[in-house]
Amino acid sequence: MLIKQVTPYLYFNGTCEDAMAFYSEALDGSVRESQTYGDAGIDAAQDSKRILHAQLEVDGQLFMFSDIPNDDDSLNKSHNIYIVLEFESEDKLKEVYNIFKEDGQVKMELQEMFWNQTYAKVIDKFGIGWDLCYTHQE
């Protein structure tokens, strides 16, 4: 086995703290750690309150978060990567879909697909792309 686990790392431009609160509530997660640039003694272009590194745990899975430094213009918003979340219930899928689409952009409406899933594709209000799915039991 080459890969032990895959951990999404989400980058933001000054909105990391708000994003962590949003995802923590939407996905019933908890912040495991959070460190600002100031906590680490890094100036980060006069914005020491930006998040240098944080972790959100959701059902034993980790998401990592960070703000880019204030003087970094490299944040890519091309949406060539989406994070796939497969839910244990259709109700939870619908709940998260409704939260993520608010102030976001629905790329594919929530619907039953021919491959036996309820599925949606959403870019949330922070610009993160999500594939949300639930596999129906046969």
C-alpha atoms as a PDB file:
ATOM      1  CA  MET A   1       0.000   0.000   0.000  1.00  0.00           C
ATOM      2  CA  LEU A   2       1.423   3.380  -0.986  1.00  0.00           C
ATOM      3  CA  ILE A   3      -1.098   5.748   0.576  1.00  0.00           C
ATOM      4  CA  LYS A   4      -2.022   5.605   4.239  1.00  0.00           C
ATOM      5  CA  GLN A   5      -4.657   8.368   4.041  1.00  0.00           C
ATOM      6  CA  VAL A   6      -5.628  11.410   1.997  1.00  0.00           C
ATOM      7  CA  THR A   7      -6.187  14.723   3.778  1.00  0.00           C
ATOM      8  CA  PRO A   8      -7.672  17.739   1.985  1.00  0.00           C
ATOM      9  CA  TYR A   9      -5.828  21.000   2.703  1.00  0.00           C
ATOM     10  CA  LEU A  10      -7.997  24.063   2.124  1.00  0.00           C
ATOM     11  CA  TYR A  11      -6.426  27.503   1.605  1.00  0.00           C
ATOM     12  CA  PHE A  12      -8.137  30.846   2.121  1.00  0.00           C
ATOM     13  CA  ASN A  13      -7.287  34.512   1.740  1.00  0.00           C
ATOM     14  CA  GLY A  14      -8.059  35.868   5.204  1.00  0.00           C
ATOM     15  CA  THR A  15     -11.341  33.968   5.716  1.00  0.00           C
ATOM     16  CA  CYS A  16      -9.946  30.752   7.203  1.00  0.00           C
ATOM     17  CA  GLU A  17     -11.377  31.287  10.689  1.00  0.00           C
ATOM     18  CA  ASP A  18     -14.858  31.957   9.269  1.00  0.00           C
ATOM     19  CA  ALA A  19     -14.547  28.939   6.952  1.00  0.00           C
ATOM     20  CA  MET A  20     -13.567  26.629   9.836  1.00  0.00           C
ATOM     21  CA  ALA A  21     -16.599  27.763  11.836  1.00  0.00           C
ATOM     22  CA  PHE A  22     -18.829  27.245   8.787  1.00  0.00           C
ATOM     23  CA  TYR A  23     -17.548  23.732   8.005  1.00  0.00           C
ATOM     24  CA  SER A  24     -17.463  22.749  11.670  1.00  0.00           C
ATOM     25  CA  GLU A  25     -21.161  23.565  11.994  1.00  0.00           C
ATOM     26  CA  ALA A  26     -22.213  22.221   8.579  1.00  0.00           C
ATOM     27  CA  LEU A  27     -20.384  18.902   8.983  1.00  0.00           C
ATOM     28  CA  ASP A  28     -20.691  18.482  12.779  1.00  0.00           C
ATOM     29  CA  GLY A  29     -16.912  18.690  13.127  1.00  0.00           C
ATOM     30  CA  SER A  30     -14.573  19.986  15.771  1.00  0.00           C
ATOM     31  CA  VAL A  31     -11.436  22.090  15.481  1.00  0.00           C
ATOM     32  CA  ARG A  32      -8.509  20.031  16.779  1.00  0.00           C
ATOM     33  CA  GLU A  33      -5.882  22.726  16.559  1.00  0.00           C
ATOM     34  CA  SER A  34      -5.492  26.245  15.246  1.00  0.00           C
ATOM     35  CA  GLN A  35      -2.420  28.464  15.117  1.00  0.00           C
ATOM     36  CA  THR A  36      -2.183  31.990  13.737  1.00  0.00           C
ATOM     37  CA  TYR A  37       0.855  33.476  12.025  1.00  0.00           C
ATOM     38  CA  GLY A  38       1.207  35.660  15.139  1.00  0.00           C
ATOM     39  CA  ASP A  39       1.191  32.604  17.441  1.00  0.00           C
ATOM     40  CA  ALA A  40       4.129  31.270  15.434  1.00  0.00           C
ATOM     41  CA  GLY A  41       5.950  34.628  15.504  1.00  0.00           C
ATOM     42  CA  ILE A  42       5.488  35.150  11.757  1.00  0.00           C
ATOM     43  CA  ASP A  43       4.430  38.622  10.640  1.00  0.00           C
ATOM     44  CA  ALA A  44       2.648  37.431   7.444  1.00  0.00           C
ATOM     45  CA  ALA A  45       2.641  40.907   5.894  1.00  0.00           C
ATOM     46  CA  GLN A  46       1.235  42.711   8.955  1.00  0.00           C
ATOM     47  CA  ASP A  47      -1.656  40.307   9.417  1.00  0.00           C
ATOM     48  CA  SER A  48      -0.716  38.159  12.401  1.00  0.00           C
ATOM     49  CA  LYS A  49      -4.338  37.044  12.987  1.00  0.00           C
ATOM     50  CA  ARG A  50      -4.495  34.952   9.807  1.00  0.00           C
ATOM     51  CA  ILE A  51      -4.519  31.196  10.396  1.00  0.00           C
ATOM     52  CA  LEU A  52      -1.161  29.545   9.702  1.00  0.00           C
ATOM     53  CA  HIS A  53      -2.436  25.987  10.259  1.00  0.00           C
ATOM     54  CA  ALA A  54      -5.576  24.380  11.626  1.00  0.00           C
ATOM     55  CA  GLN A  55      -7.229  20.980  11.640  1.00  0.00           C
ATOM     56  CA  LEU A  56     -10.917  20.135  11.600  1.00  0.00           C
ATOM     57  CA  GLU A  57     -11.984  16.600  12.490  1.00  0.00           C
ATOM     58  CA  VAL A  58     -15.212  15.231  11.019  1.00  0.00           C
ATOM     59  CA  ASP A  59     -16.128  11.631  11.899  1.00  0.00           C
ATOM     60  CA  GLY A  60     -12.472  10.675  12.330  1.00  0.00           C
ATOM     61  CA  GLN A  61     -11.441  12.342   9.060  1.00  0.00           C
ATOM     62  CA  LEU A  62      -9.123  15.364   9.013  1.00  0.00           C
ATOM     63  CA  PHE A  63      -9.350  18.525   6.955  1.00  0.00           C
ATOM     64  CA  MET A  64      -6.441  20.965   7.165  1.00  0.00           C
ATOM     65  CA  PHE A  65      -6.877  24.718   6.789  1.00  0.00           C
ATOM     66  CA  SER A  66      -4.654  27.766   6.282  1.00  0.00           C
ATOM     67  CA  ASP A  67      -4.770  31.380   5.205  1.00  0.00           C
ATOM     68  CA  ILE A  68      -2.269  32.397   2.582  1.00  0.00           C
ATOM     69  CA  PRO A  69      -0.014  35.271   3.664  1.00  0.00           C
ATOM     70  CA  ASN A  70      -1.407  38.733   2.974  1.00  0.00           C
ATOM     71  CA  ASP A  71       1.214  39.427   0.299  1.00  0.00           C
ATOM     72  CA  ASP A  72       0.676  36.116  -1.546  1.00  0.00           C
ATOM     73  CA  ASP A  73      -1.419  36.381  -4.708  1.00  0.00           C
ATOM     74  CA  SER A  74      -1.074  32.726  -5.712  1.00  0.00           C
ATOM     75  CA  LEU A  75      -4.468  31.460  -4.492  1.00  0.00           C
ATOM     76  CA  ASN A  76      -5.938  29.475  -7.382  1.00  0.00           C
ATOM     77  CA  LYS A  77      -9.710  29.588  -7.877  1.00  0.00           C
ATOM     78  CA  SER A  78      -9.920  27.427 -11.004  1.00  0.00           C
ATOM     79  CA  HIS A  79     -11.953  24.607  -9.370  1.00  0.00           C
ATOM     80  CA  ASN A  80     -10.060  21.791 -11.007  1.00  0.00           C
ATOM     81  CA  ILE A  81     -10.356  19.813  -7.762  1.00  0.00           C
ATOM     82  CA  TYR A  82     -13.507  18.978  -5.807  1.00  0.00           C
ATOM     83  CA  ILE A  83     -13.672  17.261  -2.427  1.00  0.00           C
ATOM     84  CA  VAL A  84     -15.976  14.246  -2.443  1.00  0.00           C
ATOM     85  CA  LEU A  85     -18.086  13.618   0.652  1.00  0.00           C
ATOM     86  CA  GLU A  86     -20.088  10.412   0.762  1.00  0.00           C
ATOM     87  CA  PHE A  87     -22.775  10.469   3.432  1.00  0.00           C
ATOM     88  CA  GLU A  88     -24.268   7.646   5.486  1.00  0.00           C
ATOM     89  CA  SER A  89     -27.797   9.041   5.068  1.00  0.00           C
ATOM     90  CA  GLU A  90     -29.669  10.934   2.385  1.00  0.00           C
ATOM     91  CA  ASP A  91     -31.066  13.295   5.037  1.00  0.00           C
ATOM     92  CA  LYS A  92     -27.554  14.387   6.090  1.00  0.00           C
ATOM     93  CA  LEU A  93     -26.594  14.862   2.432  1.00  0.00           C
ATOM     94  CA  LYS A  94     -29.606  17.148   1.908  1.00  0.00           C
ATOM     95  CA  GLU A  95     -28.799  19.101   5.070  1.00  0.00           C
ATOM     96  CA  VAL A  96     -25.182  19.780   4.041  1.00  0.00           C
ATOM     97  CA  TYR A  97     -26.202  20.521   0.429  1.00  0.00           C
ATOM     98  CA  ASN A  98     -28.641  23.201   1.621  1.00  0.00           C
ATOM     99  CA  ILE A  99     -25.977  24.771   3.844  1.00  0.00           C
ATOM    100  CA  PHE A 100     -23.246  24.723   1.172  1.00  0.00           C
ATOM    101  CA  LYS A 101     -25.439  26.128  -1.616  1.00  0.00           C
ATOM    102  CA  GLU A 102     -26.415  29.175   0.466  1.00  0.00           C
ATOM    103  CA  ASP A 103     -24.315  32.050  -0.909  1.00  0.00           C
ATOM    104  CA  GLY A 104     -22.534  29.439  -3.043  1.00  0.00           C
ATOM    105  CA  GLN A 105     -22.915  28.219  -6.613  1.00  0.00           C
ATOM    106  CA  VAL A 106     -24.734  25.008  -7.520  1.00  0.00           C
ATOM    107  CA  LYS A 107     -22.940  23.312 -10.407  1.00  0.00           C
ATOM    108  CA  MET A 108     -25.286  20.289 -10.433  1.00  0.00           C
ATOM    109  CA  GLU A 109     -28.573  20.243  -8.595  1.00  0.00           C
ATOM    110  CA  LEU A 110     -29.199  17.559  -5.976  1.00  0.00           C
ATOM    111  CA  GLN A 111     -30.741  14.612  -7.830  1.00  0.00           C
ATOM    112  CA  GLU A 112     -30.865  10.837  -8.110  1.00  0.00           C
ATOM    113  CA  MET A 113     -28.316   9.619 -10.633  1.00  0.00           C
ATOM    114  CA  PHE A 114     -28.287   6.559 -12.871  1.00  0.00           C
ATOM    115  CA  TRP A 115     -25.347   5.091 -10.922  1.00  0.00           C
ATOM    116  CA  ASN A 116     -27.519   4.556  -7.812  1.00  0.00           C
ATOM    117  CA  GLN A 117     -26.556   7.707  -5.915  1.00  0.00           C
ATOM    118  CA  THR A 118     -28.159  10.946  -4.885  1.00  0.00           C
ATOM    119  CA  TYR A 119     -25.593  13.497  -5.977  1.00  0.00           C
ATOM    120  CA  ALA A 120     -24.868  17.231  -6.165  1.00  0.00           C
ATOM    121  CA  LYS A 121     -21.922  19.425  -7.128  1.00  0.00           C
ATOM    122  CA  VAL A 122     -21.527  22.746  -5.280  1.00  0.00           C
ATOM    123  CA  ILE A 123     -18.954  25.501  -4.945  1.00  0.00           C
ATOM    124  CA  ASP A 124     -19.490  26.964  -1.477  1.00  0.00           C
ATOM    125  CA  LYS A 125     -19.302  30.608  -0.419  1.00  0.00           C
ATOM    126  CA  PHE A 126     -15.556  30.236   0.229  1.00  0.00           C
ATOM    127  CA  GLY A 127     -14.869  28.988  -3.315  1.00  0.00           C
ATOM    128  CA  ILE A 128     -14.310  25.331  -2.352  1.00  0.00           C
ATOM    129  CA  GLY A 129     -15.771  22.710  -4.715  1.00  0.00           C
ATOM    130  CA  TRP A 130     -17.686  19.746  -3.258  1.00  0.00           C
ATOM    131  CA  ASP A 131     -19.153  16.563  -4.729  1.00  0.00           C
ATOM    132  CA  LEU A 132     -21.831  15.440  -2.290  1.00  0.00           C
ATOM    133  CA  CYS A 133     -23.227  11.939  -2.601  1.00  0.00           C
ATOM    134  CA  TYR A 134     -25.224   9.197  -0.950  1.00  0.00           C
ATOM    135  CA  THR A 135     -25.241   5.632  -2.301  1.00  0.00           C
ATOM    136  CA  HIS A 136     -28.666   3.984  -2.152  1.00  0.00           C
ATOM    137  CA  GLN A 137     -28.926   0.556  -0.595  1.00  0.00           C
ATOM    138  CA  GLU A 138     -30.146  -2.167  -2.937  1.00  0.00           C
END
